[in-house]
C-alpha atoms as a PDB file:
ATOM      1  CA  MET A   1       9.160   3.798  12.756  1.00  0.00           C
ATOM      2  CA  TYR A   2      10.630   6.848  11.020  1.00  0.00           C
ATOM      3  CA  TYR A   3       7.171   7.902   9.821  1.00  0.00           C
ATOM      4  CA  LEU A   4       5.704   7.569  13.310  1.00  0.00           C
ATOM      5  CA  LYS A   5       8.565   9.571  14.783  1.00  0.00           C
ATOM      6  CA  THR A   6       8.486  12.424  12.262  1.00  0.00           C
ATOM      7  CA  ASN A   7       4.809  12.732  11.360  1.00  0.00           C
ATOM      8  CA  LYS A   8       2.992  11.504  14.461  1.00  0.00           C
ATOM      9  CA  ASP A   9       5.536  12.726  17.040  1.00  0.00           C
ATOM     10  CA  ILE A  10       5.776   9.366  18.820  1.00  0.00           C
ATOM     11  CA  LYS A  11       9.022   8.932  20.747  1.00  0.00           C
ATOM     12  CA  ASN A  12      11.004   5.908  21.992  1.00  0.00           C
ATOM     13  CA  LEU A  13       9.802   3.463  19.374  1.00  0.00           C
ATOM     14  CA  LYS A  14      10.915  -0.104  19.110  1.00  0.00           C
ATOM     15  CA  GLY A  15       9.909  -2.696  16.583  1.00  0.00           C
ATOM     16  CA  PHE A  16      10.173  -6.399  16.010  1.00  0.00           C
ATOM     17  CA  LEU A  17      11.194  -8.397  12.968  1.00  0.00           C
ATOM     18  CA  ASP A  18       9.546 -11.787  13.077  1.00  0.00           C
ATOM     19  CA  TYR A  19      10.996 -14.722  11.150  1.00  0.00           C
ATOM     20  CA  PRO A  20       8.426 -17.516  11.554  1.00  0.00           C
ATOM     21  CA  LYS A  21      10.330 -20.139   9.535  1.00  0.00           C
ATOM     22  CA  ASN A  22      13.455 -19.664  11.658  1.00  0.00           C
ATOM     23  CA  ARG A  23      11.440 -19.155  14.835  1.00  0.00           C
ATOM     24  CA  GLU A  24      13.332 -15.946  15.491  1.00  0.00           C
ATOM     25  CA  LYS A  25      12.214 -12.555  16.654  1.00  0.00           C
ATOM     26  CA  LYS A  26      14.576  -9.559  16.621  1.00  0.00           C
ATOM     27  CA  GLU A  27      14.018  -6.304  18.423  1.00  0.00           C
ATOM     28  CA  ILE A  28      14.967  -3.206  16.411  1.00  0.00           C
ATOM     29  CA  PHE A  29      15.366   0.453  17.283  1.00  0.00           C
ATOM     30  CA  LEU A  30      15.537   3.591  15.158  1.00  0.00           C
ATOM     31  CA  THR A  31      18.996   4.926  15.942  1.00  0.00           C
ATOM     32  CA  LYS A  32      20.423   8.240  14.775  1.00  0.00           C
ATOM     33  CA  GLU A  33      22.746   6.418  12.347  1.00  0.00           C
ATOM     34  CA  LYS A  34      19.871   4.454  10.803  1.00  0.00           C
ATOM     35  CA  GLU A  35      17.793   7.610  10.580  1.00  0.00           C
ATOM     36  CA  ASP A  36      20.596   9.413   8.719  1.00  0.00           C
ATOM     37  CA  GLU A  37      20.974   6.444   6.368  1.00  0.00           C
ATOM     38  CA  LEU A  38      17.228   6.477   5.713  1.00  0.00           C
ATOM     39  CA  LEU A  39      17.289  10.208   4.938  1.00  0.00           C
ATOM     40  CA  ASN A  40      20.067   9.620   2.387  1.00  0.00           C
ATOM     41  CA  VAL A  41      18.004   6.882   0.731  1.00  0.00           C
ATOM     42  CA  ILE A  42      14.973   9.199   0.586  1.00  0.00           C
ATOM     43  CA  LYS A  43      17.126  11.924  -1.023  1.00  0.00           C
ATOM     44  CA  ASP A  44      18.354   9.413  -3.621  1.00  0.00           C
ATOM     45  CA  ILE A  45      14.755   8.444  -4.419  1.00  0.00           C
ATOM     46  CA  HIS A  46      13.855  12.098  -4.936  1.00  0.00           C
ATOM     47  CA  LYS A  47      16.829  12.490  -7.295  1.00  0.00           C
ATOM     48  CA  ILE A  48      15.538   9.601  -9.387  1.00  0.00           C
ATOM     49  CA  ASN A  49      12.095  11.193  -9.550  1.00  0.00           C
ATOM     50  CA  GLU A  50      13.586  14.534 -10.681  1.00  0.00           C
ATOM     51  CA  ASN A  51      15.108  12.979 -13.792  1.00  0.00           C
ATOM     52  CA  LYS A  52      12.768  13.289 -16.726  1.00  0.00           C
ATOM     53  CA  MET A  53      12.075  10.388 -19.013  1.00  0.00           C
ATOM     54  CA  PRO A  54      13.642  10.718 -22.464  1.00  0.00           C
ATOM     55  CA  LYS A  55      11.338  11.142 -25.428  1.00  0.00           C
ATOM     56  CA  PRO A  56      10.511   7.790 -27.042  1.00  0.00           C
ATOM     57  CA  LYS A  57      12.138   6.939 -30.360  1.00  0.00           C
ATOM     58  CA  LYS A  58       9.934   4.751 -32.465  1.00  0.00           C
ATOM     59  CA  SER A  59      11.622   1.751 -34.075  1.00  0.00           C
ATOM     60  CA  LYS A  60      10.580  -1.563 -35.626  1.00  0.00           C
ATOM     61  CA  ILE A  61      10.629  -3.467 -32.351  1.00  0.00           C
ATOM     62  CA  CYS A  62       8.342  -0.995 -30.571  1.00  0.00           C
ATOM     63  CA  ARG A  63       5.123  -2.623 -31.771  1.00  0.00           C
ATOM     64  CA  LYS A  64       6.030  -5.915 -30.088  1.00  0.00           C
ATOM     65  CA  CYS A  65       7.473  -4.391 -26.930  1.00  0.00           C
ATOM     66  CA  ALA A  66       5.701  -4.877 -23.602  1.00  0.00           C
ATOM     67  CA  TYR A  67       6.271  -1.194 -22.770  1.00  0.00           C
ATOM     68  CA  PHE A  68       4.714   0.155 -25.979  1.00  0.00           C
ATOM     69  CA  GLU A  69       1.668   1.644 -24.242  1.00  0.00           C
ATOM     70  CA  PHE A  70       3.850   3.079 -21.495  1.00  0.00           C
ATOM     71  CA  CYS A  71       6.073   4.956 -23.959  1.00  0.00           C
ATOM     72  CA  PHE A  72       3.491   6.098 -26.487  1.00  0.00           C
ATOM     73  CA  SER A  73       0.377   6.732 -24.412  1.00  0.00           C
END
């Protein structure tokens, strides 16, 4: 809903959350408070992306590690 509002300029959006197992359907709206909360979450995600990965330190367990190719590729 936030994407449609900001990028596609669609106003007065409402959405539905459907819970088939509970046979419930909830109507949701993008309020100013929820929009501000979403912007804070997006800022936090960008902060995580700004942090650089540390240089890998090779040790004995590296050869058996599942992330070996990720670190040393």
